């Protein structure tokens, strides 16, 4: 578990460092996840070693939504004032995600 958490943290820090160094307009953790993805494609046996720790972290994934829920409750008036752009962003991003997922599934099923 500590090894898994360390690997995830190292890749997140690498992503943050690259974003800071190059000034990319993408969150560091996103870059870190892309780097981790590439690393796991390159080192396939590493995925098997990380799997037990990742499964344990996924069991507690719901805890990561607590800060978002608290933020919505604390800034409820702002959410109500901005409901239209928020709803539009949610609907559009969900539609894009569904289309991209369908394209990927179709591509990999061939």
N, C-alpha and C. Protein backbone atom coordinates (compact mmCIF):
# COMPACT_ATOMS: atom_id res chain seq x y z
N UNK A 1 0.82 -1.20 0.00
CA UNK A 1 0.00 0.00 0.00
C UNK A 1 0.87 1.26 0.00
N UNK A 2 1.91 1.27 0.81
CA UNK A 2 2.79 2.43 0.86
C UNK A 2 3.51 2.59 -0.47
N UNK A 3 3.91 1.48 -1.07
CA UNK A 3 4.59 1.54 -2.37
C UNK A 3 3.65 2.12 -3.43
N UNK A 4 2.41 1.66 -3.43
CA UNK A 4 1.43 2.16 -4.40
C UNK A 4 1.21 3.65 -4.22
N UNK A 5 1.02 4.07 -2.98
CA UNK A 5 0.79 5.48 -2.70
C UNK A 5 2.01 6.31 -3.10
N UNK A 6 3.20 5.76 -2.84
CA UNK A 6 4.44 6.47 -3.21
C UNK A 6 4.55 6.65 -4.73
N UNK A 7 4.24 5.60 -5.47
CA UNK A 7 4.30 5.69 -6.94
C UNK A 7 3.32 6.73 -7.45
N UNK A 8 2.09 6.72 -6.93
CA UNK A 8 1.09 7.70 -7.34
C UNK A 8 1.54 9.12 -7.01
N UNK A 9 2.12 9.30 -5.83
CA UNK A 9 2.57 10.61 -5.41
C UNK A 9 3.76 11.09 -6.25
N UNK A 10 4.67 10.18 -6.58
CA UNK A 10 5.82 10.53 -7.41
C UNK A 10 5.35 11.03 -8.78
N UNK A 11 4.41 10.32 -9.39
CA UNK A 11 3.94 10.74 -10.71
C UNK A 11 3.14 12.03 -10.63
N UNK A 12 2.41 12.25 -9.55
CA UNK A 12 1.70 13.51 -9.39
C UNK A 12 2.71 14.66 -9.26
N UNK A 13 3.75 14.44 -8.48
CA UNK A 13 4.77 15.48 -8.32
C UNK A 13 5.51 15.74 -9.63
N UNK A 14 5.77 14.69 -10.40
CA UNK A 14 6.39 14.89 -11.72
C UNK A 14 5.49 15.74 -12.62
N UNK A 15 4.22 15.44 -12.60
CA UNK A 15 3.27 16.22 -13.39
C UNK A 15 3.23 17.67 -12.94
N UNK A 16 3.20 17.90 -11.63
CA UNK A 16 3.19 19.26 -11.10
C UNK A 16 4.47 20.00 -11.51
N UNK A 17 5.60 19.30 -11.44
CA UNK A 17 6.87 19.91 -11.81
C UNK A 17 6.92 20.30 -13.28
N UNK A 18 6.41 19.42 -14.14
CA UNK A 18 6.40 19.72 -15.57
C UNK A 18 5.48 20.91 -15.89
N UNK A 19 4.34 20.95 -15.23
CA UNK A 19 3.42 22.07 -15.44
C UNK A 19 4.07 23.38 -14.98
N UNK A 20 4.74 23.33 -13.84
CA UNK A 20 5.41 24.53 -13.33
C UNK A 20 6.56 24.94 -14.24
N UNK A 21 7.33 23.96 -14.69
CA UNK A 21 8.50 24.23 -15.53
C UNK A 21 8.12 24.79 -16.89
N UNK A 22 7.11 24.21 -17.53
CA UNK A 22 6.76 24.61 -18.89
C UNK A 22 5.55 25.55 -18.97
N UNK A 23 4.88 25.78 -17.84
CA UNK A 23 3.73 26.68 -17.82
C UNK A 23 2.53 26.17 -18.59
N UNK A 24 2.36 24.86 -18.63
CA UNK A 24 1.22 24.27 -19.34
C UNK A 24 -0.09 24.61 -18.64
N UNK A 25 -1.17 24.83 -19.39
CA UNK A 25 -2.47 25.16 -18.78
C UNK A 25 -3.29 23.92 -18.42
N UNK A 26 -2.60 22.88 -17.99
CA UNK A 26 -3.25 21.61 -17.63
C UNK A 26 -2.87 21.31 -16.18
N UNK A 27 -3.79 20.81 -15.37
CA UNK A 27 -3.44 20.48 -13.98
C UNK A 27 -2.32 19.44 -13.91
N UNK A 28 -1.43 19.63 -12.97
CA UNK A 28 -0.30 18.72 -12.78
C UNK A 28 -0.70 17.28 -12.59
N UNK A 29 -1.74 16.99 -11.78
CA UNK A 29 -2.14 15.60 -11.60
C UNK A 29 -2.59 14.92 -12.91
N UNK A 30 -3.13 15.69 -13.84
CA UNK A 30 -3.53 15.12 -15.13
C UNK A 30 -2.29 14.69 -15.91
N UNK A 31 -1.27 15.55 -15.93
CA UNK A 31 -0.01 15.20 -16.58
C UNK A 31 0.63 14.00 -15.88
N UNK A 32 0.56 14.00 -14.55
CA UNK A 32 1.10 12.88 -13.79
C UNK A 32 0.41 11.57 -14.12
N UNK A 33 -0.91 11.60 -14.29
CA UNK A 33 -1.64 10.38 -14.66
C UNK A 33 -1.26 9.91 -16.06
N UNK A 34 -1.06 10.85 -16.97
CA UNK A 34 -0.61 10.47 -18.32
C UNK A 34 0.78 9.82 -18.26
N UNK A 35 1.65 10.39 -17.44
CA UNK A 35 2.99 9.80 -17.28
C UNK A 35 2.90 8.40 -16.66
N UNK A 36 2.04 8.26 -15.66
CA UNK A 36 1.85 6.95 -15.03
C UNK A 36 1.28 5.94 -16.03
N UNK A 37 0.33 6.38 -16.84
CA UNK A 37 -0.25 5.52 -17.86
C UNK A 37 0.84 5.03 -18.83
N UNK A 38 1.67 5.95 -19.30
CA UNK A 38 2.76 5.57 -20.21
C UNK A 38 3.74 4.63 -19.54
N UNK A 39 4.04 4.90 -18.28
CA UNK A 39 4.96 4.03 -17.53
C UNK A 39 4.39 2.62 -17.39
N UNK A 40 3.10 2.53 -17.10
CA UNK A 40 2.48 1.21 -16.94
C UNK A 40 2.37 0.47 -18.27
N UNK A 41 2.23 1.21 -19.37
CA UNK A 41 2.27 0.55 -20.68
C UNK A 41 3.66 0.00 -20.97
N UNK A 42 4.67 0.72 -20.52
CA UNK A 42 6.05 0.33 -20.76
C UNK A 42 6.50 -0.78 -19.81
N UNK A 43 6.09 -0.71 -18.55
CA UNK A 43 6.45 -1.69 -17.52
C UNK A 43 5.19 -2.45 -17.09
N UNK A 44 4.78 -3.41 -17.88
CA UNK A 44 3.51 -4.10 -17.64
C UNK A 44 3.48 -4.84 -16.30
N UNK A 45 4.60 -5.37 -15.85
CA UNK A 45 4.62 -6.11 -14.59
C UNK A 45 4.40 -5.18 -13.39
N UNK A 46 4.69 -3.90 -13.57
CA UNK A 46 4.48 -2.93 -12.48
C UNK A 46 3.00 -2.78 -12.16
N UNK A 47 2.15 -2.88 -13.15
CA UNK A 47 0.70 -2.77 -12.93
C UNK A 47 0.22 -3.89 -11.99
N UNK A 48 0.75 -5.08 -12.17
CA UNK A 48 0.36 -6.19 -11.30
C UNK A 48 0.83 -5.96 -9.86
N UNK A 49 2.00 -5.34 -9.71
CA UNK A 49 2.50 -5.06 -8.36
C UNK A 49 1.70 -3.96 -7.67
N UNK A 50 1.20 -3.02 -8.44
CA UNK A 50 0.44 -1.91 -7.86
C UNK A 50 -1.02 -2.26 -7.62
N UNK A 51 -1.53 -3.29 -8.28
CA UNK A 51 -2.95 -3.62 -8.25
C UNK A 51 -3.54 -3.79 -6.84
N UNK A 52 -2.91 -4.53 -5.93
CA UNK A 52 -3.54 -4.69 -4.60
C UNK A 52 -3.70 -3.36 -3.86
N UNK A 53 -2.70 -2.52 -3.93
CA UNK A 53 -2.80 -1.21 -3.27
C UNK A 53 -3.82 -0.32 -3.92
N UNK A 54 -3.91 -0.37 -5.24
CA UNK A 54 -4.89 0.44 -5.97
C UNK A 54 -6.30 -0.03 -5.61
N UNK A 55 -6.51 -1.34 -5.53
CA UNK A 55 -7.84 -1.85 -5.15
C UNK A 55 -8.24 -1.35 -3.77
N UNK A 56 -7.28 -1.30 -2.86
CA UNK A 56 -7.56 -0.81 -1.51
C UNK A 56 -7.93 0.68 -1.55
N UNK A 57 -7.21 1.46 -2.34
CA UNK A 57 -7.54 2.89 -2.47
C UNK A 57 -8.91 3.09 -3.11
N UNK A 58 -9.25 2.27 -4.09
CA UNK A 58 -10.55 2.39 -4.76
C UNK A 58 -11.71 2.07 -3.82
N UNK A 59 -11.45 1.22 -2.83
CA UNK A 59 -12.51 0.91 -1.85
C UNK A 59 -12.94 2.15 -1.08
N UNK A 60 -12.01 3.11 -0.94
CA UNK A 60 -12.28 4.32 -0.17
C UNK A 60 -12.43 5.55 -1.07
N UNK A 61 -12.73 5.33 -2.33
CA UNK A 61 -12.85 6.43 -3.29
C UNK A 61 -13.93 7.44 -2.90
N UNK A 62 -14.98 6.96 -2.28
CA UNK A 62 -16.09 7.87 -1.93
C UNK A 62 -15.64 8.96 -0.97
N UNK A 63 -14.61 8.72 -0.18
CA UNK A 63 -14.11 9.75 0.73
C UNK A 63 -13.57 10.97 -0.01
N UNK A 64 -13.13 10.77 -1.25
CA UNK A 64 -12.58 11.88 -2.02
C UNK A 64 -13.66 12.85 -2.48
N UNK A 65 -14.92 12.45 -2.40
CA UNK A 65 -16.00 13.34 -2.81
C UNK A 65 -16.49 14.23 -1.68
N UNK A 66 -16.03 13.99 -0.47
CA UNK A 66 -16.46 14.80 0.67
C UNK A 66 -16.07 16.27 0.50
N UNK A 67 -14.81 16.59 0.13
CA UNK A 67 -14.48 18.02 -0.05
C UNK A 67 -15.34 18.71 -1.10
N UNK A 68 -15.66 18.03 -2.19
CA UNK A 68 -16.51 18.63 -3.22
C UNK A 68 -17.91 18.90 -2.67
N UNK A 69 -18.45 17.95 -1.94
CA UNK A 69 -19.78 18.13 -1.35
C UNK A 69 -19.81 19.26 -0.34
N UNK A 70 -18.77 19.37 0.47
CA UNK A 70 -18.69 20.47 1.43
C UNK A 70 -18.57 21.80 0.71
N UNK A 71 -17.79 21.83 -0.37
CA UNK A 71 -17.65 23.05 -1.15
C UNK A 71 -18.97 23.51 -1.73
N UNK A 72 -19.76 22.58 -2.20
CA UNK A 72 -21.07 22.92 -2.76
C UNK A 72 -21.98 23.47 -1.65
N UNK A 73 -21.92 22.86 -0.47
CA UNK A 73 -22.77 23.34 0.63
C UNK A 73 -22.32 24.72 1.12
N UNK A 74 -21.02 24.92 1.21
CA UNK A 74 -20.51 26.21 1.70
C UNK A 74 -20.78 27.33 0.70
N UNK A 75 -20.64 27.03 -0.58
CA UNK A 75 -20.82 28.04 -1.63
C UNK A 75 -22.14 27.83 -2.37
N UNK A 76 -23.17 27.44 -1.65
CA UNK A 76 -24.46 27.14 -2.25
C UNK A 76 -25.06 28.31 -3.01
N UNK A 77 -24.94 29.51 -2.48
CA UNK A 77 -25.50 30.69 -3.16
C UNK A 77 -24.81 30.90 -4.51
N UNK A 78 -23.48 30.73 -4.54
CA UNK A 78 -22.75 30.90 -5.80
C UNK A 78 -23.18 29.84 -6.81
N UNK A 79 -23.39 28.62 -6.33
CA UNK A 79 -23.85 27.54 -7.21
C UNK A 79 -25.23 27.87 -7.77
N UNK A 80 -26.12 28.40 -6.94
CA UNK A 80 -27.45 28.78 -7.40
C UNK A 80 -27.39 29.94 -8.40
N UNK A 81 -26.49 30.88 -8.15
CA UNK A 81 -26.35 32.02 -9.06
C UNK A 81 -25.79 31.59 -10.42
N UNK A 82 -24.99 30.57 -10.44
CA UNK A 82 -24.31 30.13 -11.66
C UNK A 82 -24.85 28.79 -12.16
N UNK A 83 -26.10 28.47 -11.90
CA UNK A 83 -26.63 27.14 -12.22
C UNK A 83 -26.62 26.86 -13.72
N UNK A 84 -26.88 27.85 -14.55
CA UNK A 84 -26.94 27.60 -16.00
C UNK A 84 -25.57 27.24 -16.58
N UNK A 85 -24.50 28.02 -16.33
CA UNK A 85 -23.20 27.61 -16.86
C UNK A 85 -22.71 26.28 -16.28
N UNK A 86 -23.00 26.05 -15.00
CA UNK A 86 -22.60 24.78 -14.39
C UNK A 86 -23.31 23.60 -15.04
N UNK A 87 -24.61 23.75 -15.25
CA UNK A 87 -25.38 22.68 -15.89
C UNK A 87 -24.91 22.45 -17.32
N UNK A 88 -24.67 23.53 -18.04
CA UNK A 88 -24.20 23.40 -19.42
C UNK A 88 -22.84 22.68 -19.45
N UNK A 89 -21.94 23.07 -18.56
CA UNK A 89 -20.62 22.43 -18.52
C UNK A 89 -20.75 20.95 -18.19
N UNK A 90 -21.62 20.60 -17.25
CA UNK A 90 -21.81 19.19 -16.90
C UNK A 90 -22.39 18.39 -18.05
N UNK A 91 -23.39 18.93 -18.72
CA UNK A 91 -24.03 18.21 -19.83
C UNK A 91 -23.06 18.05 -21.00
N UNK A 92 -22.37 19.11 -21.35
CA UNK A 92 -21.43 19.05 -22.48
C UNK A 92 -20.27 18.11 -22.18
N UNK A 93 -19.69 18.22 -20.98
CA UNK A 93 -18.55 17.34 -20.66
C UNK A 93 -18.98 15.88 -20.56
N UNK A 94 -20.20 15.63 -20.08
CA UNK A 94 -20.70 14.26 -20.02
C UNK A 94 -20.90 13.71 -21.43
N UNK A 95 -21.47 14.51 -22.31
CA UNK A 95 -21.68 14.07 -23.70
C UNK A 95 -20.35 13.78 -24.39
N UNK A 96 -19.39 14.66 -24.20
CA UNK A 96 -18.06 14.45 -24.80
C UNK A 96 -17.43 13.17 -24.26
N UNK A 97 -17.55 12.95 -22.95
CA UNK A 97 -16.98 11.74 -22.35
C UNK A 97 -17.62 10.48 -22.91
N UNK A 98 -18.93 10.50 -23.08
CA UNK A 98 -19.62 9.34 -23.63
C UNK A 98 -19.19 9.07 -25.07
N UNK A 99 -19.08 10.11 -25.87
CA UNK A 99 -18.67 9.95 -27.27
C UNK A 99 -17.24 9.43 -27.36
N UNK A 100 -16.34 10.01 -26.57
CA UNK A 100 -14.93 9.57 -26.60
C UNK A 100 -14.82 8.12 -26.13
N UNK A 101 -15.56 7.77 -25.09
CA UNK A 101 -15.54 6.39 -24.59
C UNK A 101 -16.07 5.43 -25.65
N UNK A 102 -17.15 5.79 -26.30
CA UNK A 102 -17.71 4.93 -27.36
C UNK A 102 -16.72 4.76 -28.50
N UNK A 103 -16.06 5.83 -28.90
CA UNK A 103 -15.07 5.73 -29.98
C UNK A 103 -13.90 4.83 -29.58
N UNK A 104 -13.45 4.98 -28.35
CA UNK A 104 -12.34 4.13 -27.87
C UNK A 104 -12.74 2.67 -27.83
N UNK A 105 -13.94 2.39 -27.31
CA UNK A 105 -14.42 1.00 -27.24
C UNK A 105 -14.55 0.42 -28.64
N UNK A 106 -15.11 1.18 -29.55
CA UNK A 106 -15.27 0.71 -30.93
C UNK A 106 -13.90 0.44 -31.56
N UNK A 107 -12.94 1.32 -31.31
CA UNK A 107 -11.59 1.15 -31.87
C UNK A 107 -10.93 -0.11 -31.31
N UNK A 108 -11.02 -0.32 -30.00
CA UNK A 108 -10.32 -1.44 -29.38
C UNK A 108 -11.05 -2.78 -29.57
N UNK A 109 -12.31 -2.75 -29.94
CA UNK A 109 -13.03 -3.99 -30.19
C UNK A 109 -12.73 -4.57 -31.56
N UNK A 110 -12.14 -3.77 -32.43
CA UNK A 110 -11.83 -4.25 -33.79
C UNK A 110 -10.67 -5.20 -33.78
